[in-house]
């Protein structure tokens, strides 16, 4: 597959001009349509307490202002990575501009194919389950407001124009994406609606809105071309010159659906189960830090639980680098990645918390991390597909990147001989989640110690992560690999230092590698000879706390073959990581 060129247009988008962003802007995470499914998804039951908290939040974030609805006709809302009702501008605009609204979600088969360069599953079983849970929850929440969700399997380029024609829609509303795969789909939908308009001599508009970031695109104090290449400069710029818009309040009732909609398009369509997507269903491991339930209801319940019930927000900065337990960090990232909750909703709750309880470094630090997430999104606009190139946004050349299969598989499977690396990789595979600290450590090890092509790690993260989104993932991996927006090109995380600081008693590694439990706390991260796998490579800067650090395993110690190395600039696309490492 040839990557789309990324010719940046250097102007600030204002109002509708926002969506004159370069058509080549690519997003590598597609949520598309397919044929309707005849099996219902298995959805975990959300606790009554959580459901009640979410219902309360919906009530507080809604308004009874049906009189403000001035539109006529039928509008559609094409939902992708915005699987929520609250603070959903595309849904609100569709409601305001029409007499009837039809929400549509497309299950795009391309989302469940292979990654571009290394051929891993594009979406793993755990994230697929999370997404389908989110779709099912969205349908439930729309039904409570007098609507329903149409679910179709197929390419949006085919499904959206077909549905629009059948119901006579005058406008299709959607949130704008920024990466090439997603924007290519947008162009296809646009072309399909244009042809439909010509055929019926009645224009059908595809109208995009900006969403999913803390700061709105139109409120940035710089043009995309002027976007700072260093995060701190970006953060100071927006904090000084921009304001976060409040989360939108939604009407309590948003119906009706179009008249006789079932006669025109058939049944709403069942949400697919994972096996219908070509994947094998499996549960998140009970050893995980938290059971991540997809959907807006679970997202709002987590927000209420972490901020208000457990009062963990006040100590977030002190605990955020933990690796064990549900509450060392917010764990909002899976829901943010799929648009089950917005940064603005979190921001508004932080500000309410600061007024009602305490404002401190921890409350600020949650917003600090959300700004990192914004930064990677806006960087994808400035640099386009270069965030997926081996040389990254800075077009670094001359680095030799190995693609050694044996080393990569050891990393991938948690068989490197370094307990801290192995435990993190086992957690990722078993749960779809890894701590921020863990992500930095395993990235550094893959790039600095194993010398592997960073895109191998990025694509494997794309497969596994519940909270995968291309901008944050690739932004983080380029950052960690020294080819992104970081003045410290050779950032290195020492495993002995990280272990002694963040897992001093070896509780984390013993949790994921039970065989280490029999060792003393001091030995768990540096097992004696014979107590654990031999390290597959010596560390770049040594590891005095590990016996025989230069003694690497032979080919007989594990399965695998020899790989190849690559250098130079690649035009491939990739995926990987989550909101800030």
Protein backbone atom coordinates (compact mmCIF):
# COMPACT_ATOMS: atom_id res chain seq x y z
CA UNK A 1 0.00 0.00 0.00
CA UNK A 2 1.37 3.40 -0.88
CA UNK A 3 1.13 6.07 1.78
CA UNK A 4 -0.81 9.18 0.95
CA UNK A 5 1.32 12.26 0.47
CA UNK A 6 0.96 14.81 3.21
CA UNK A 7 1.10 18.31 1.75
CA UNK A 8 0.36 20.67 4.58
CA UNK A 9 -1.66 23.78 3.92
CA UNK A 10 -0.30 26.51 6.14
CA UNK A 11 -3.35 28.46 7.21
CA UNK A 12 -5.41 28.59 10.33
CA UNK A 13 -8.83 27.07 9.80
CA UNK A 14 -11.67 29.21 11.07
CA UNK A 15 -15.27 28.13 11.15
CA UNK A 16 -16.05 26.05 8.10
CA UNK A 17 -12.51 26.57 6.82
CA UNK A 18 -11.37 24.09 9.44
CA UNK A 19 -12.62 21.38 7.19
CA UNK A 20 -10.64 22.65 4.27
CA UNK A 21 -7.68 21.01 5.97
CA UNK A 22 -5.53 19.09 3.52
CA UNK A 23 -7.44 16.12 2.21
CA UNK A 24 -4.38 13.97 2.69
CA UNK A 25 -4.60 14.31 6.49
CA UNK A 26 -4.69 10.71 7.53
CA UNK A 27 -6.13 8.84 10.41
CA UNK A 28 -5.34 5.18 10.65
CA UNK A 29 -8.21 4.07 12.73
CA UNK A 30 -11.38 3.54 10.80
CA UNK A 31 -14.83 2.84 12.17
CA UNK A 32 -16.92 1.79 9.27
CA UNK A 33 -20.07 0.14 8.12
CA UNK A 34 -21.00 -3.36 7.17
CA UNK A 35 -23.95 -5.65 6.63
CA UNK A 36 -26.28 -5.90 9.58
CA UNK A 37 -25.49 -8.66 12.02
CA UNK A 38 -27.91 -11.19 13.38
CA UNK A 39 -26.21 -11.93 16.68
CA UNK A 40 -26.27 -9.61 19.65
CA UNK A 41 -23.09 -8.62 21.41
CA UNK A 42 -22.28 -10.04 24.79
CA UNK A 43 -22.10 -6.98 27.01
CA UNK A 44 -20.90 -7.06 30.60
CA UNK A 45 -23.51 -5.77 33.01
CA UNK A 46 -22.53 -2.44 34.49
CA UNK A 47 -23.16 -2.30 38.21
CA UNK A 48 -26.36 -0.57 39.26
CA UNK A 49 -24.32 1.95 41.20
CA UNK A 50 -22.30 2.82 38.11
CA UNK A 51 -25.42 3.08 35.99
CA UNK A 52 -27.00 5.39 38.54
CA UNK A 53 -23.90 7.62 38.58
CA UNK A 54 -23.93 7.83 34.79
CA UNK A 55 -27.65 8.58 34.74
CA UNK A 56 -27.10 11.40 37.20
CA UNK A 57 -24.31 12.79 35.03
CA UNK A 58 -26.55 12.61 31.95
CA UNK A 59 -29.25 14.54 33.80
CA UNK A 60 -26.82 17.25 34.92
CA UNK A 61 -25.37 17.56 31.41
CA UNK A 62 -28.70 17.82 29.62
CA UNK A 63 -31.18 20.56 28.99
CA UNK A 64 -34.85 20.68 28.12
CA UNK A 65 -34.78 23.14 25.25
CA UNK A 66 -36.74 21.48 22.48
CA UNK A 67 -38.04 24.91 21.55
CA UNK A 68 -34.60 25.83 20.18
CA UNK A 69 -34.94 23.28 17.42
CA UNK A 70 -35.51 25.25 14.21
CA UNK A 71 -34.53 22.82 11.47
CA UNK A 72 -36.60 20.87 8.98
CA UNK A 73 -36.24 17.61 7.14
CA UNK A 74 -33.94 14.74 8.04
CA UNK A 75 -30.30 14.85 9.15
CA UNK A 76 -27.89 11.98 9.74
CA UNK A 77 -25.02 11.74 12.18
CA UNK A 78 -22.20 9.41 11.14
CA UNK A 79 -20.52 8.20 14.33
CA UNK A 80 -16.97 6.88 14.42
CA UNK A 81 -14.62 7.70 17.29
CA UNK A 82 -17.30 9.70 19.10
CA UNK A 83 -19.31 6.93 20.77
CA UNK A 84 -21.23 9.08 23.24
CA UNK A 85 -24.27 11.31 23.63
CA UNK A 86 -22.90 14.00 25.97
CA UNK A 87 -20.76 16.81 24.51
CA UNK A 88 -21.31 15.46 20.99
CA UNK A 89 -21.45 18.45 18.68
CA UNK A 90 -22.13 16.38 15.54
CA UNK A 91 -25.21 14.88 17.20
CA UNK A 92 -26.33 18.24 18.55
CA UNK A 93 -26.00 19.98 15.18
CA UNK A 94 -27.88 17.17 13.46
CA UNK A 95 -30.70 17.61 15.96
CA UNK A 96 -30.74 21.42 15.65
CA UNK A 97 -30.82 21.41 11.85
CA UNK A 98 -33.62 18.89 11.34
CA UNK A 99 -37.03 17.64 12.30
CA UNK A 100 -35.78 14.04 12.52
CA UNK A 101 -32.33 12.52 13.15
CA UNK A 102 -30.82 9.19 12.17
CA UNK A 103 -27.60 8.15 13.96
CA UNK A 104 -25.45 5.64 12.04
CA UNK A 105 -22.43 3.54 13.00
CA UNK A 106 -20.51 1.58 10.38
CA UNK A 107 -18.45 -1.50 11.22
CA UNK A 108 -15.72 -1.12 8.62
CA UNK A 109 -14.11 -4.47 7.76
CA UNK A 110 -10.80 -2.69 7.07
CA UNK A 111 -10.51 -1.96 10.78
CA UNK A 112 -10.09 -5.68 11.37
CA UNK A 113 -7.50 -6.44 8.70
CA UNK A 114 -3.69 -6.31 9.08
CA UNK A 115 -1.27 -3.54 9.99
CA UNK A 116 0.56 -2.08 7.04
CA UNK A 117 4.22 -2.97 7.51
CA UNK A 118 4.42 -6.01 9.77
CA UNK A 119 1.03 -7.63 9.25
CA UNK A 120 -0.21 -7.80 12.83
CA UNK A 121 -3.98 -7.80 13.45
CA UNK A 122 -5.07 -4.20 13.10
CA UNK A 123 -7.51 -4.52 15.97
CA UNK A 124 -7.04 -7.18 18.63
CA UNK A 125 -9.84 -9.11 20.31
CA UNK A 126 -9.89 -7.05 23.48
CA UNK A 127 -10.18 -3.70 21.74
CA UNK A 128 -12.77 -5.08 19.32
CA UNK A 129 -14.84 -6.19 22.31
CA UNK A 130 -14.43 -2.79 23.95
CA UNK A 131 -15.56 -1.01 20.78
CA UNK A 132 -18.62 -3.19 20.35
CA UNK A 133 -19.55 -2.68 24.01
CA UNK A 134 -19.26 1.05 23.40
CA UNK A 135 -21.52 0.86 20.35
CA UNK A 136 -24.12 -1.14 22.29
CA UNK A 137 -24.02 1.37 25.14
CA UNK A 138 -24.38 4.27 22.70
CA UNK A 139 -27.50 2.65 21.27
CA UNK A 140 -28.99 2.33 24.77
CA UNK A 141 -28.27 5.98 25.59
CA UNK A 142 -29.71 7.19 22.28
CA UNK A 143 -32.86 5.16 22.88
CA UNK A 144 -33.29 6.90 26.23
CA UNK A 145 -33.44 10.19 24.31
CA UNK A 146 -35.95 9.07 21.72
CA UNK A 147 -33.53 7.91 19.02
CA UNK A 148 -31.84 4.66 18.03
CA UNK A 149 -28.55 3.65 16.45
CA UNK A 150 -28.43 2.13 12.99
CA UNK A 151 -25.56 -0.37 12.75
CA UNK A 152 -24.33 -1.59 9.39
CA UNK A 153 -21.30 -3.58 8.30
CA UNK A 154 -19.45 -2.32 5.25
CA UNK A 155 -17.47 0.61 3.96
CA UNK A 156 -18.87 4.03 4.93
CA UNK A 157 -18.25 5.19 1.36
CA UNK A 158 -21.01 2.76 0.33
CA UNK A 159 -23.26 2.74 3.38
CA UNK A 160 -23.57 6.44 4.24
CA UNK A 161 -24.78 7.58 0.77
CA UNK A 162 -27.12 4.59 0.55
CA UNK A 163 -28.79 5.35 3.88
CA UNK A 164 -28.90 9.08 3.12
CA UNK A 165 -30.71 8.37 -0.14
CA UNK A 166 -33.23 6.02 1.47
CA UNK A 167 -34.28 8.48 4.20
CA UNK A 168 -33.94 11.68 2.14
CA UNK A 169 -31.31 13.28 4.39
CA UNK A 170 -30.25 16.81 3.57
CA UNK A 171 -27.06 16.76 5.73
CA UNK A 172 -24.71 14.18 7.21
CA UNK A 173 -22.83 15.42 10.29
CA UNK A 174 -19.58 13.87 11.52
CA UNK A 175 -16.51 14.65 13.60
CA UNK A 176 -13.40 15.45 11.56
CA UNK A 177 -10.44 13.11 11.69
CA UNK A 178 -6.84 14.02 10.92
CA UNK A 179 -4.99 10.97 9.58
CA UNK A 180 -4.90 9.65 6.03
CA UNK A 181 -6.85 6.42 6.30
CA UNK A 182 -9.73 8.19 7.98
CA UNK A 183 -9.68 11.22 5.73
CA UNK A 184 -9.57 8.95 2.66
CA UNK A 185 -12.82 7.43 3.91
CA UNK A 186 -14.21 10.94 4.41
CA UNK A 187 -13.39 11.82 0.82
CA UNK A 188 -15.08 8.65 -0.35
CA UNK A 189 -18.23 9.49 1.58
CA UNK A 190 -18.11 13.04 0.23
CA UNK A 191 -17.85 11.76 -3.33
CA UNK A 192 -20.70 9.33 -2.79
CA UNK A 193 -22.97 12.06 -1.43
CA UNK A 194 -22.00 14.34 -4.30
CA UNK A 195 -23.03 11.71 -6.83
CA UNK A 196 -26.25 11.17 -4.92
CA UNK A 197 -26.98 14.89 -5.02
CA UNK A 198 -26.41 15.03 -8.75
CA UNK A 199 -28.62 12.02 -9.35
CA UNK A 200 -31.54 13.37 -7.36
CA UNK A 201 -30.84 17.03 -8.21
CA UNK A 202 -30.79 17.83 -4.52
CA UNK A 203 -27.57 18.54 -2.67
CA UNK A 204 -26.64 16.32 0.29
CA UNK A 205 -24.04 18.00 2.51
CA UNK A 206 -21.32 16.29 4.52
CA UNK A 207 -20.64 18.70 7.39
CA UNK A 208 -17.75 18.14 9.76
CA UNK A 209 -17.26 19.48 13.25
CA UNK A 210 -14.11 19.47 15.35
CA UNK A 211 -14.12 17.47 18.56
CA UNK A 212 -12.15 15.09 20.73
CA UNK A 213 -9.55 17.57 21.97
CA UNK A 214 -9.38 19.74 25.05
CA UNK A 215 -8.70 22.91 23.07
CA UNK A 216 -10.74 23.56 19.96
CA UNK A 217 -8.89 23.84 16.68
CA UNK A 218 -10.24 27.34 16.06
CA UNK A 219 -9.00 28.55 19.44
CA UNK A 220 -5.31 27.72 19.00
CA UNK A 221 -2.98 30.73 19.14
CA UNK A 222 -0.99 29.52 16.13
CA UNK A 223 -1.60 28.16 12.66
CA UNK A 224 -0.84 24.50 11.99
CA UNK A 225 2.39 25.51 10.28
CA UNK A 226 3.39 27.51 13.35
CA UNK A 227 2.60 24.72 15.82
CA UNK A 228 5.62 24.48 18.16
CA UNK A 229 7.81 21.43 17.76
CA UNK A 230 8.34 21.23 21.52
CA UNK A 231 5.46 20.30 23.79
CA UNK A 232 6.29 22.82 26.52
CA UNK A 233 6.05 25.70 24.06
CA UNK A 234 2.71 24.41 22.79
CA UNK A 235 1.37 23.98 26.31
CA UNK A 236 2.41 27.44 27.44
CA UNK A 237 0.93 28.93 24.28
CA UNK A 238 -2.52 27.42 24.72
CA UNK A 239 -2.60 27.91 28.48
CA UNK A 240 -1.79 31.61 28.06
CA UNK A 241 -3.82 32.45 24.96
CA UNK A 242 -6.67 29.93 24.68
CA UNK A 243 -9.67 28.92 26.75
CA UNK A 244 -11.23 25.49 27.01
CA UNK A 245 -14.79 25.57 25.76
CA UNK A 246 -17.36 24.11 28.18
CA UNK A 247 -18.76 20.70 27.37
CA UNK A 248 -21.99 20.95 25.40
CA UNK A 249 -25.26 20.22 27.15
CA UNK A 250 -27.56 17.96 25.16
CA UNK A 251 -31.36 17.99 24.81
CA UNK A 252 -33.12 15.52 27.08
CA UNK A 253 -35.16 14.30 24.11
CA UNK A 254 -33.69 14.21 20.59
CA UNK A 255 -36.28 12.29 18.60
CA UNK A 256 -38.04 11.53 16.45
CA UNK A 257 -36.43 9.16 14.01
CA UNK A 258 -37.41 9.65 10.36
CA UNK A 259 -40.93 8.48 9.52
CA UNK A 260 -41.31 4.87 8.46
CA UNK A 261 -37.55 4.39 8.82
CA UNK A 262 -37.86 0.62 9.13
CA UNK A 263 -39.69 0.45 5.79
CA UNK A 264 -36.97 2.51 4.15
CA UNK A 265 -33.79 0.90 5.51
CA UNK A 266 -34.85 -2.18 7.44
CA UNK A 267 -34.09 -3.09 11.05
CA UNK A 268 -31.57 -1.09 13.09
CA UNK A 269 -29.08 -3.96 12.88
CA UNK A 270 -27.45 -5.94 15.66
CA UNK A 271 -24.10 -4.98 17.12
CA UNK A 272 -21.64 -7.68 15.99
CA UNK A 273 -20.07 -10.10 18.40
CA UNK A 274 -16.31 -10.45 18.18
CA UNK A 275 -16.43 -13.77 16.31
CA UNK A 276 -18.39 -12.06 13.52
CA UNK A 277 -15.43 -9.73 13.07
CA UNK A 278 -13.12 -12.67 12.40
CA UNK A 279 -11.68 -12.66 15.91
CA UNK A 280 -11.85 -15.06 18.83
CA UNK A 281 -13.62 -13.75 21.91
CA UNK A 282 -11.63 -13.63 25.12
CA UNK A 283 -11.99 -11.86 28.43
CA UNK A 284 -9.58 -9.35 29.89
CA UNK A 285 -7.42 -11.11 32.45
CA UNK A 286 -8.69 -10.87 36.03
CA UNK A 287 -5.11 -9.99 36.96
CA UNK A 288 -5.56 -6.61 35.24
CA UNK A 289 -5.61 -3.32 37.11
CA UNK A 290 -9.25 -2.74 36.16
CA UNK A 291 -11.94 -4.37 34.08
CA UNK A 292 -12.43 -1.90 31.24
CA UNK A 293 -16.06 -1.88 30.13
CA UNK A 294 -16.69 -0.10 26.84
CA UNK A 295 -19.17 2.75 26.60
CA UNK A 296 -20.15 6.17 27.85
CA UNK A 297 -21.93 4.74 30.89
CA UNK A 298 -18.78 3.05 32.15
CA UNK A 299 -16.67 6.13 31.31
CA UNK A 300 -18.85 8.43 33.39
CA UNK A 301 -18.94 5.90 36.21
CA UNK A 302 -15.13 5.79 36.26
CA UNK A 303 -14.98 9.59 36.31
CA UNK A 304 -17.35 9.78 39.26
CA UNK A 305 -15.64 6.95 41.09
CA UNK A 306 -12.07 8.24 40.70
CA UNK A 307 -12.80 11.93 41.31
CA UNK A 308 -15.63 11.96 43.79
CA UNK A 309 -16.14 8.61 45.49
CA UNK A 310 -12.51 7.58 46.03
CA UNK A 311 -11.17 11.15 45.98
CA UNK A 312 -8.08 10.02 44.08
CA UNK A 313 -7.76 13.16 42.00
CA UNK A 314 -6.10 15.03 44.86
CA UNK A 315 -3.09 12.65 44.79
CA UNK A 316 -2.92 11.84 41.06
CA UNK A 317 0.47 13.41 40.46
CA UNK A 318 2.05 11.46 43.31
CA UNK A 319 0.62 8.09 42.23
CA UNK A 320 0.44 8.35 38.43
CA UNK A 321 3.66 6.38 37.84
CA UNK A 322 2.37 3.28 39.60
CA UNK A 323 1.90 -0.06 37.86
CA UNK A 324 -0.35 -2.10 40.18
CA UNK A 325 -3.92 -1.35 41.22
CA UNK A 326 -6.98 0.36 39.83
CA UNK A 327 -6.41 3.83 41.17
CA UNK A 328 -2.77 4.86 40.71
CA UNK A 329 -3.96 6.77 37.62
CA UNK A 330 -7.27 7.86 36.09
CA UNK A 331 -7.39 5.04 33.47
CA UNK A 332 -9.54 7.31 31.28
CA UNK A 333 -7.53 6.62 28.12
CA UNK A 334 -9.58 3.72 26.61
CA UNK A 335 -12.77 5.77 26.82
CA UNK A 336 -11.07 8.89 25.48
CA UNK A 337 -9.64 6.98 22.53
CA UNK A 338 -13.09 5.90 21.35
CA UNK A 339 -14.88 9.10 22.20
CA UNK A 340 -16.96 7.63 25.04
CA UNK A 341 -16.03 10.72 27.03
CA UNK A 342 -14.41 13.99 25.99
CA UNK A 343 -11.46 15.90 27.42
CA UNK A 344 -13.81 18.85 27.95
CA UNK A 345 -16.10 16.78 30.16
CA UNK A 346 -13.11 15.73 32.24
CA UNK A 347 -11.86 19.33 32.32
CA UNK A 348 -15.21 20.60 33.60
CA UNK A 349 -15.22 18.00 36.37
CA UNK A 350 -11.64 18.90 37.34
CA UNK A 351 -12.67 22.53 37.66
CA UNK A 352 -15.72 21.60 39.72
CA UNK A 353 -13.51 19.44 41.94
CA UNK A 354 -11.10 22.35 42.40
CA UNK A 355 -13.98 24.58 43.51
CA UNK A 356 -15.61 22.04 45.83
CA UNK A 357 -12.59 20.18 47.25
CA UNK A 358 -9.03 21.21 46.39
CA UNK A 359 -6.93 22.70 43.62
CA UNK A 360 -3.35 21.43 43.62
CA UNK A 361 -0.59 20.03 41.42
CA UNK A 362 -2.53 16.80 40.96
CA UNK A 363 -5.67 18.45 39.62
CA UNK A 364 -3.55 20.45 37.21
CA UNK A 365 -1.57 17.40 36.14
CA UNK A 366 -4.64 15.63 34.76
CA UNK A 367 -5.14 18.62 32.45
CA UNK A 368 -1.41 18.64 31.67
CA UNK A 369 -1.71 15.09 30.34
CA UNK A 370 -4.82 15.96 28.33
CA UNK A 371 -2.84 18.76 26.68
CA UNK A 372 -0.21 16.17 25.69
CA UNK A 373 -2.99 14.25 24.00
CA UNK A 374 -4.08 17.41 22.15
CA UNK A 375 -0.50 18.05 21.11
CA UNK A 376 -0.12 14.71 19.35
CA UNK A 377 -3.43 15.24 17.58
CA UNK A 378 -2.38 18.65 16.27
CA UNK A 379 1.10 17.36 15.37
CA UNK A 380 -0.62 14.85 13.09
CA UNK A 381 -2.11 17.82 11.25
CA UNK A 382 1.21 19.62 10.90
CA UNK A 383 3.36 16.66 9.91
CA UNK A 384 0.90 14.32 8.25
CA UNK A 385 2.09 10.85 7.36
CA UNK A 386 5.64 11.50 8.51
CA UNK A 387 4.54 10.43 11.99
CA UNK A 388 4.31 6.91 10.52
CA UNK A 389 7.66 7.02 8.70
CA UNK A 390 10.71 5.35 10.19
CA UNK A 391 12.45 8.76 10.30
CA UNK A 392 9.51 10.40 12.05
CA UNK A 393 8.41 14.03 11.88
CA UNK A 394 12.04 15.20 11.91
CA UNK A 395 12.89 12.94 8.94
CA UNK A 396 15.86 11.45 10.79
CA UNK A 397 18.13 9.53 8.44
CA UNK A 398 21.18 7.36 8.96
CA UNK A 399 19.89 5.24 11.82
CA UNK A 400 20.10 1.50 11.32
CA UNK A 401 16.96 -0.23 12.57
CA UNK A 402 16.99 -3.99 12.95
CA UNK A 403 13.93 -6.09 12.26
CA UNK A 404 15.33 -9.19 13.94
CA UNK A 405 12.39 -11.57 14.36
CA UNK A 406 13.81 -13.50 17.30
CA UNK A 407 14.45 -10.41 19.38
CA UNK A 408 11.09 -8.91 18.54
CA UNK A 409 9.18 -12.06 19.45
CA UNK A 410 11.00 -12.20 22.79
CA UNK A 411 9.85 -8.64 23.49
CA UNK A 412 6.35 -9.27 22.15
CA UNK A 413 5.82 -12.41 24.23
CA UNK A 414 7.44 -11.15 27.43
CA UNK A 415 10.40 -13.53 27.15
CA UNK A 416 13.36 -11.13 27.19
CA UNK A 417 14.86 -12.30 30.47
CA UNK A 418 14.25 -8.90 32.08
CA UNK A 419 11.31 -9.28 34.49
CA UNK A 420 10.20 -5.65 34.32
CA UNK A 421 9.96 -5.78 30.52
CA UNK A 422 8.35 -9.20 30.48
CA UNK A 423 5.73 -8.37 33.10
CA UNK A 424 4.64 -5.25 31.22
CA UNK A 425 4.36 -7.11 27.93
CA UNK A 426 2.35 -9.91 29.55
CA UNK A 427 0.00 -7.34 31.05
CA UNK A 428 -0.48 -5.71 27.66
CA UNK A 429 -1.33 -8.99 25.94
CA UNK A 430 -3.65 -10.16 28.71
CA UNK A 431 -5.55 -6.95 29.37
CA UNK A 432 -5.03 -4.45 26.54
CA UNK A 433 -3.57 -1.98 29.01
CA UNK A 434 -0.17 -0.94 30.28
CA UNK A 435 0.81 1.85 32.63
CA UNK A 436 2.30 5.07 31.36
CA UNK A 437 5.58 4.20 33.06
CA UNK A 438 5.58 0.70 31.58
CA UNK A 439 5.07 2.02 28.06
CA UNK A 440 8.09 4.27 28.33
CA UNK A 441 10.24 1.44 29.67
CA UNK A 442 9.32 -1.18 27.05
CA UNK A 443 9.65 1.38 24.24
CA UNK A 444 13.13 2.37 25.39
CA UNK A 445 14.16 -1.28 25.69
CA UNK A 446 12.93 -2.18 22.21
CA UNK A 447 14.62 0.82 20.59
CA UNK A 448 17.80 1.31 22.65
CA UNK A 449 18.66 -2.16 23.93
CA UNK A 450 17.25 -4.43 21.24
CA UNK A 451 17.95 -1.92 18.45
CA UNK A 452 14.69 -2.78 16.73
CA UNK A 453 12.62 -0.75 14.29
CA UNK A 454 10.32 1.29 16.51
CA UNK A 455 7.42 0.73 14.10
CA UNK A 456 7.37 -2.95 15.11
CA UNK A 457 6.54 -1.88 18.64
CA UNK A 458 4.07 0.75 17.45
CA UNK A 459 2.17 -1.75 15.31
CA UNK A 460 2.06 -4.32 18.11
CA UNK A 461 0.66 -1.67 20.43
CA UNK A 462 -1.89 -0.92 17.73
CA UNK A 463 -3.00 -4.52 17.88
CA UNK A 464 -3.20 -4.80 21.65
CA UNK A 465 -4.09 -1.50 23.23
CA UNK A 466 -7.64 -0.77 24.31
CA UNK A 467 -6.76 2.92 24.17
CA UNK A 468 -5.10 2.89 20.77
CA UNK A 469 -5.43 5.98 18.66
CA UNK A 470 -2.98 6.71 15.84
CA UNK A 471 -2.01 10.25 16.82
CA UNK A 472 -1.10 9.51 20.42
CA UNK A 473 0.38 6.13 19.64
CA UNK A 474 2.65 7.17 16.86
CA UNK A 475 3.39 10.48 18.53
CA UNK A 476 4.60 8.62 21.59
CA UNK A 477 6.59 6.02 19.69
CA UNK A 478 8.38 8.60 17.54
CA UNK A 479 9.05 10.56 20.73
CA UNK A 480 10.47 7.50 22.48
CA UNK A 481 12.48 6.43 19.43
CA UNK A 482 14.21 9.79 19.14
CA UNK A 483 12.67 10.67 15.76
CA UNK A 484 9.78 12.75 17.08
CA UNK A 485 9.28 16.07 18.77
CA UNK A 486 11.80 15.73 21.55
CA UNK A 487 15.07 17.64 21.87
CA UNK A 488 16.56 14.63 23.76
CA UNK A 489 17.11 12.28 20.85
CA UNK A 490 18.66 9.43 22.85
CA UNK A 491 16.23 9.21 25.76
CA UNK A 492 17.10 6.02 27.67
CA UNK A 493 15.26 4.28 30.51
CA UNK A 494 17.56 2.19 32.65
CA UNK A 495 15.81 -1.00 33.71
CA UNK A 496 17.66 -1.28 37.06
CA UNK A 497 16.81 2.34 37.88
CA UNK A 498 13.19 2.00 36.82
CA UNK A 499 12.76 -1.23 38.77
CA UNK A 500 14.31 0.14 41.95
CA UNK A 501 12.19 3.30 41.73
CA UNK A 502 8.81 1.98 40.64
CA UNK A 503 8.82 -1.68 41.70
CA UNK A 504 11.32 -1.78 44.59
CA UNK A 505 9.83 -4.89 46.20
CA UNK A 506 9.15 -6.71 42.96
CA UNK A 507 5.40 -6.86 43.59
CA UNK A 508 4.53 -5.92 40.03
CA UNK A 509 6.80 -8.44 38.33
CA UNK A 510 5.71 -11.20 40.72
CA UNK A 511 2.07 -10.36 39.96
CA UNK A 512 2.56 -11.07 36.25
CA UNK A 513 5.32 -13.68 36.56
CA UNK A 514 4.22 -15.85 39.50
CA UNK A 515 7.40 -17.93 39.41
CA UNK A 516 9.24 -14.90 40.80
CA UNK A 517 7.08 -14.83 43.93
CA UNK A 518 9.31 -17.36 45.64
CA UNK A 519 12.31 -15.04 45.35
CA UNK A 520 13.12 -12.35 47.84
CA UNK A 521 11.91 -8.84 47.09
CA UNK A 522 15.47 -7.80 46.19
CA UNK A 523 15.88 -10.63 43.69
CA UNK A 524 12.60 -10.41 41.79
CA UNK A 525 13.78 -7.76 39.35
CA UNK A 526 17.28 -9.21 39.19
CA UNK A 527 16.91 -13.00 39.52
CA UNK A 528 20.00 -15.14 40.17
CA UNK A 529 21.23 -17.58 37.54
CA UNK A 530 18.77 -20.37 36.92
CA UNK A 531 15.87 -18.61 38.60
CA UNK A 532 14.62 -16.97 35.42
CA UNK A 533 15.31 -16.70 31.69
CA UNK A 534 18.73 -15.50 30.62
CA UNK A 535 18.61 -11.94 29.24
CA UNK A 536 18.32 -12.05 25.47
CA UNK A 537 20.78 -9.12 25.12
CA UNK A 538 23.01 -7.16 27.50
CA UNK A 539 21.70 -3.73 28.35
CA UNK A 540 23.15 -0.81 26.49
CA UNK A 541 24.49 0.73 29.68
CA UNK A 542 24.86 -2.46 31.70
CA UNK A 543 22.91 -3.87 34.59
CA UNK A 544 25.05 -4.48 37.62
CA UNK A 545 22.15 -5.92 39.59
CA UNK A 546 21.66 -8.78 37.10
CA UNK A 547 23.94 -11.79 37.22
CA UNK A 548 26.02 -12.28 34.10
CA UNK A 549 24.39 -9.44 32.15
CA UNK A 550 26.53 -10.11 29.07
CA UNK A 551 25.60 -13.75 28.93
CA UNK A 552 22.88 -13.91 26.30
CA UNK A 553 20.71 -16.81 25.31
CA UNK A 554 21.54 -19.09 22.46
CA UNK A 555 19.11 -19.88 19.67
CA UNK A 556 18.14 -23.00 21.60
CA UNK A 557 16.84 -20.95 24.53
CA UNK A 558 13.74 -19.92 22.61
CA UNK A 559 12.17 -20.29 19.23
CA UNK A 560 12.71 -17.74 16.52
CA UNK A 561 14.62 -16.90 13.42
CA UNK A 562 17.01 -14.29 12.25
CA UNK A 563 15.60 -11.02 11.12
CA UNK A 564 16.68 -8.25 8.81
CA UNK A 565 17.64 -4.66 9.33
CA UNK A 566 16.36 -1.55 7.67
CA UNK A 567 17.52 2.01 7.33
CA UNK A 568 16.43 5.11 5.56
CA UNK A 569 12.99 6.64 5.16
CA UNK A 570 9.92 4.49 4.77
CA UNK A 571 6.60 5.62 3.40
CA UNK A 572 4.62 3.10 5.38
CA UNK A 573 1.79 3.91 7.74
CA UNK A 574 1.65 2.41 11.18
CA UNK A 575 -0.19 2.52 14.48
CA UNK A 576 0.66 2.00 18.08
CA UNK A 577 0.56 3.52 21.67
CA UNK A 578 -1.98 5.47 23.67
CA UNK A 579 -2.53 8.93 24.94
CA UNK A 580 0.69 10.13 26.54
CA UNK A 581 3.05 7.21 27.32
